[in-house]
Amino acid sequence: MSKVCQITGKKPVVGNRILRKGLAKKKGGIGRHVTAVNRRRFEPNLQRRRLWVPELKRFVVVRLTARGLRTLEKKGVYKGLLEAGLI
């Protein structure tokens, strides 16, 4: 299953992990130098939640980020799921 939030649409993004070696100039060294750059993925904070929807009188299972959960709390479960096209 893909790592995408069903509410916000957030998905993994790619970035770099930069390795540096040496002592900073202000600490008496000759400066920091980049010794390696490795690719990495920043994963969304996905949660699997079983939410009660009073208007439908049933539970709905969604995969959403922590931000998506806050969005649903703010808008309301039914309205948020309706806008996302999940019901």
N, C-alpha and C. Protein backbone atom coordinates (compact mmCIF):
# COMPACT_ATOMS: atom_id res chain seq x y z
N MET A 1 0.84 -1.18 0.00
CA MET A 1 0.00 0.00 0.00
C MET A 1 0.89 1.24 0.00
N SER A 2 0.49 2.24 -0.78
CA SER A 2 1.32 3.43 -0.89
C SER A 2 1.26 4.26 0.38
N LYS A 3 2.34 5.00 0.63
CA LYS A 3 2.42 5.81 1.84
C LYS A 3 1.91 7.22 1.55
N VAL A 4 0.60 7.34 1.33
CA VAL A 4 -0.03 8.62 1.00
C VAL A 4 -1.18 8.85 1.96
N CYS A 5 -1.27 10.07 2.49
CA CYS A 5 -2.37 10.45 3.38
C CYS A 5 -3.64 10.60 2.54
N GLN A 6 -4.72 9.98 2.97
CA GLN A 6 -5.97 10.03 2.22
C GLN A 6 -6.68 11.38 2.39
N ILE A 7 -6.30 12.16 3.37
CA ILE A 7 -6.94 13.45 3.61
C ILE A 7 -6.13 14.60 2.99
N THR A 8 -4.85 14.69 3.32
CA THR A 8 -4.03 15.81 2.87
C THR A 8 -3.29 15.53 1.56
N GLY A 9 -3.12 14.25 1.22
CA GLY A 9 -2.38 13.90 0.01
C GLY A 9 -0.87 13.91 0.17
N LYS A 10 -0.40 14.06 1.42
CA LYS A 10 1.05 14.07 1.64
C LYS A 10 1.63 12.71 1.31
N LYS A 11 2.84 12.72 0.70
CA LYS A 11 3.52 11.48 0.35
C LYS A 11 5.01 11.64 0.61
N PRO A 12 5.79 10.56 0.51
CA PRO A 12 7.22 10.68 0.79
C PRO A 12 7.91 11.64 -0.18
N VAL A 13 8.88 12.40 0.34
CA VAL A 13 9.71 13.27 -0.50
C VAL A 13 11.16 12.84 -0.35
N VAL A 14 11.96 13.16 -1.34
CA VAL A 14 13.35 12.72 -1.37
C VAL A 14 14.25 13.91 -1.05
N GLY A 15 15.29 13.65 -0.26
CA GLY A 15 16.23 14.69 0.11
C GLY A 15 17.62 14.10 0.27
N ASN A 16 18.49 14.86 0.90
CA ASN A 16 19.87 14.42 1.10
C ASN A 16 20.23 14.37 2.57
N ARG A 17 21.12 13.43 2.90
CA ARG A 17 21.74 13.37 4.21
C ARG A 17 23.19 13.77 3.99
N ILE A 18 23.60 14.89 4.55
CA ILE A 18 24.92 15.43 4.30
C ILE A 18 25.84 15.12 5.48
N LEU A 19 26.96 14.45 5.20
CA LEU A 19 27.95 14.14 6.23
C LEU A 19 29.06 15.17 6.18
N ARG A 20 29.40 15.72 7.33
CA ARG A 20 30.45 16.73 7.41
C ARG A 20 31.52 16.26 8.37
N LYS A 21 32.76 16.69 8.12
CA LYS A 21 33.87 16.32 8.98
C LYS A 21 34.71 17.55 9.25
N GLY A 22 35.32 17.61 10.42
CA GLY A 22 36.18 18.73 10.75
C GLY A 22 35.61 19.58 11.88
N LEU A 23 36.42 20.52 12.34
CA LEU A 23 36.04 21.41 13.43
C LEU A 23 35.74 22.78 12.86
N ALA A 24 34.66 23.39 13.34
CA ALA A 24 34.25 24.71 12.84
C ALA A 24 35.34 25.74 13.09
N LYS A 25 35.41 26.74 12.20
CA LYS A 25 36.44 27.79 12.31
C LYS A 25 36.32 28.56 13.62
N LYS A 26 35.06 28.84 14.02
CA LYS A 26 34.89 29.62 15.26
C LYS A 26 35.27 28.83 16.51
N LYS A 27 35.46 27.51 16.34
CA LYS A 27 35.92 26.69 17.46
C LYS A 27 37.41 26.38 17.36
N GLY A 28 38.11 27.06 16.43
CA GLY A 28 39.54 26.89 16.33
C GLY A 28 40.01 25.91 15.27
N GLY A 29 39.08 25.41 14.47
CA GLY A 29 39.47 24.46 13.44
C GLY A 29 39.69 25.14 12.10
N ILE A 30 39.81 24.33 11.05
CA ILE A 30 40.03 24.88 9.71
C ILE A 30 38.73 24.90 8.90
N GLY A 31 37.61 24.54 9.52
CA GLY A 31 36.31 24.58 8.84
C GLY A 31 35.76 23.18 8.62
N ARG A 32 34.46 23.15 8.40
CA ARG A 32 33.78 21.88 8.16
C ARG A 32 33.77 21.58 6.67
N HIS A 33 33.90 20.31 6.32
CA HIS A 33 33.91 19.92 4.91
C HIS A 33 32.92 18.79 4.69
N VAL A 34 32.20 18.86 3.58
CA VAL A 34 31.26 17.81 3.21
C VAL A 34 32.05 16.62 2.69
N THR A 35 31.83 15.46 3.29
CA THR A 35 32.56 14.27 2.88
C THR A 35 31.67 13.28 2.13
N ALA A 36 30.35 13.37 2.29
CA ALA A 36 29.45 12.45 1.59
C ALA A 36 28.05 13.05 1.54
N VAL A 37 27.34 12.73 0.47
CA VAL A 37 25.95 13.13 0.33
C VAL A 37 25.17 11.88 -0.05
N ASN A 38 24.26 11.46 0.81
CA ASN A 38 23.47 10.26 0.57
C ASN A 38 22.01 10.62 0.39
N ARG A 39 21.35 9.96 -0.55
CA ARG A 39 19.92 10.18 -0.77
C ARG A 39 19.12 9.52 0.36
N ARG A 40 18.02 10.14 0.73
CA ARG A 40 17.14 9.56 1.74
C ARG A 40 15.72 9.98 1.46
N ARG A 41 14.78 9.31 2.14
CA ARG A 41 13.35 9.62 1.98
C ARG A 41 12.80 10.16 3.28
N PHE A 42 12.00 11.22 3.18
CA PHE A 42 11.27 11.74 4.32
C PHE A 42 9.86 11.19 4.24
N GLU A 43 9.52 10.30 5.18
CA GLU A 43 8.22 9.62 5.15
C GLU A 43 7.17 10.43 5.92
N PRO A 44 5.91 10.43 5.45
CA PRO A 44 4.86 11.10 6.21
C PRO A 44 4.52 10.30 7.47
N ASN A 45 4.01 11.00 8.48
CA ASN A 45 3.66 10.37 9.75
C ASN A 45 2.28 9.73 9.63
N LEU A 46 2.22 8.57 8.96
CA LEU A 46 0.94 7.92 8.67
C LEU A 46 0.41 7.12 9.86
N GLN A 47 -0.89 7.24 10.07
CA GLN A 47 -1.59 6.50 11.11
C GLN A 47 -2.79 5.80 10.47
N ARG A 48 -3.11 4.63 10.96
CA ARG A 48 -4.33 3.94 10.50
C ARG A 48 -5.38 4.17 11.59
N ARG A 49 -6.47 4.82 11.22
CA ARG A 49 -7.50 5.18 12.20
C ARG A 49 -8.86 4.66 11.79
N ARG A 50 -9.61 4.21 12.77
CA ARG A 50 -10.98 3.75 12.58
C ARG A 50 -11.86 4.83 13.20
N LEU A 51 -12.52 5.61 12.35
CA LEU A 51 -13.27 6.78 12.81
C LEU A 51 -14.77 6.53 12.73
N TRP A 52 -15.47 6.94 13.77
CA TRP A 52 -16.93 6.82 13.79
C TRP A 52 -17.54 8.02 13.08
N VAL A 53 -18.43 7.75 12.11
CA VAL A 53 -19.11 8.82 11.39
C VAL A 53 -20.58 8.77 11.80
N PRO A 54 -21.01 9.72 12.66
CA PRO A 54 -22.40 9.68 13.17
C PRO A 54 -23.45 9.80 12.07
N GLU A 55 -23.16 10.58 11.03
CA GLU A 55 -24.14 10.77 9.95
C GLU A 55 -24.41 9.48 9.18
N LEU A 56 -23.39 8.62 9.09
CA LEU A 56 -23.55 7.34 8.39
C LEU A 56 -23.84 6.19 9.34
N LYS A 57 -23.66 6.44 10.64
CA LYS A 57 -23.84 5.43 11.69
C LYS A 57 -22.95 4.20 11.45
N ARG A 58 -21.68 4.46 11.08
CA ARG A 58 -20.73 3.37 10.88
C ARG A 58 -19.31 3.88 11.03
N PHE A 59 -18.37 2.94 11.15
CA PHE A 59 -16.96 3.27 11.23
C PHE A 59 -16.36 3.33 9.82
N VAL A 60 -15.39 4.20 9.64
CA VAL A 60 -14.63 4.29 8.38
C VAL A 60 -13.16 4.19 8.74
N VAL A 61 -12.42 3.31 8.05
CA VAL A 61 -11.00 3.13 8.30
C VAL A 61 -10.23 3.96 7.27
N VAL A 62 -9.35 4.84 7.75
CA VAL A 62 -8.55 5.69 6.86
C VAL A 62 -7.09 5.65 7.27
N ARG A 63 -6.20 5.89 6.29
CA ARG A 63 -4.77 6.06 6.56
C ARG A 63 -4.49 7.54 6.39
N LEU A 64 -4.14 8.20 7.48
CA LEU A 64 -3.94 9.62 7.42
C LEU A 64 -2.76 10.05 8.27
N THR A 65 -2.23 11.22 7.98
CA THR A 65 -1.12 11.75 8.76
C THR A 65 -1.67 12.39 10.03
N ALA A 66 -0.76 12.73 10.93
CA ALA A 66 -1.17 13.43 12.15
C ALA A 66 -1.82 14.76 11.79
N ARG A 67 -1.30 15.45 10.77
CA ARG A 67 -1.89 16.70 10.31
C ARG A 67 -3.30 16.47 9.76
N GLY A 68 -3.49 15.36 9.03
CA GLY A 68 -4.81 15.02 8.50
C GLY A 68 -5.81 14.76 9.61
N LEU A 69 -5.36 14.14 10.69
CA LEU A 69 -6.23 13.88 11.84
C LEU A 69 -6.67 15.19 12.48
N ARG A 70 -5.73 16.15 12.57
CA ARG A 70 -6.08 17.47 13.12
C ARG A 70 -7.07 18.18 12.21
N THR A 71 -6.92 18.00 10.90
CA THR A 71 -7.84 18.61 9.94
C THR A 71 -9.25 18.06 10.15
N LEU A 72 -9.35 16.73 10.33
CA LEU A 72 -10.66 16.13 10.54
C LEU A 72 -11.29 16.59 11.85
N GLU A 73 -10.46 16.78 12.88
CA GLU A 73 -10.99 17.27 14.15
C GLU A 73 -11.53 18.69 14.01
N LYS A 74 -10.88 19.47 13.17
CA LYS A 74 -11.28 20.86 12.97
C LYS A 74 -12.56 20.96 12.13
N LYS A 75 -12.60 20.25 10.99
CA LYS A 75 -13.73 20.34 10.07
C LYS A 75 -14.90 19.47 10.48
N GLY A 76 -14.59 18.37 11.14
CA GLY A 76 -15.60 17.36 11.41
C GLY A 76 -15.32 16.15 10.52
N VAL A 77 -15.58 14.97 11.04
CA VAL A 77 -15.22 13.75 10.31
C VAL A 77 -15.99 13.63 9.01
N TYR A 78 -17.30 13.84 9.05
CA TYR A 78 -18.12 13.65 7.85
C TYR A 78 -17.73 14.63 6.75
N LYS A 79 -17.62 15.91 7.10
CA LYS A 79 -17.29 16.94 6.11
C LYS A 79 -15.89 16.73 5.54
N GLY A 80 -14.94 16.38 6.40
CA GLY A 80 -13.57 16.16 5.94
C GLY A 80 -13.45 14.98 5.00
N LEU A 81 -14.12 13.86 5.32
CA LEU A 81 -14.09 12.69 4.46
C LEU A 81 -14.82 12.95 3.15
N LEU A 82 -15.88 13.74 3.21
CA LEU A 82 -16.65 14.08 2.01
C LEU A 82 -15.79 14.92 1.06
N GLU A 83 -15.06 15.90 1.59
CA GLU A 83 -14.20 16.75 0.76
C GLU A 83 -13.05 15.95 0.15
N ALA A 84 -12.57 14.94 0.88
CA ALA A 84 -11.48 14.11 0.37
C ALA A 84 -11.97 13.06 -0.62
N GLY A 85 -13.29 12.91 -0.75
CA GLY A 85 -13.86 11.94 -1.69
C GLY A 85 -13.82 10.52 -1.21
N LEU A 86 -13.78 10.33 0.13
CA LEU A 86 -13.71 8.98 0.69
C LEU A 86 -15.08 8.38 0.99
N ILE A 87 -16.10 9.22 1.04
CA ILE A 87 -17.48 8.70 1.24
C ILE A 87 -18.43 9.38 0.28
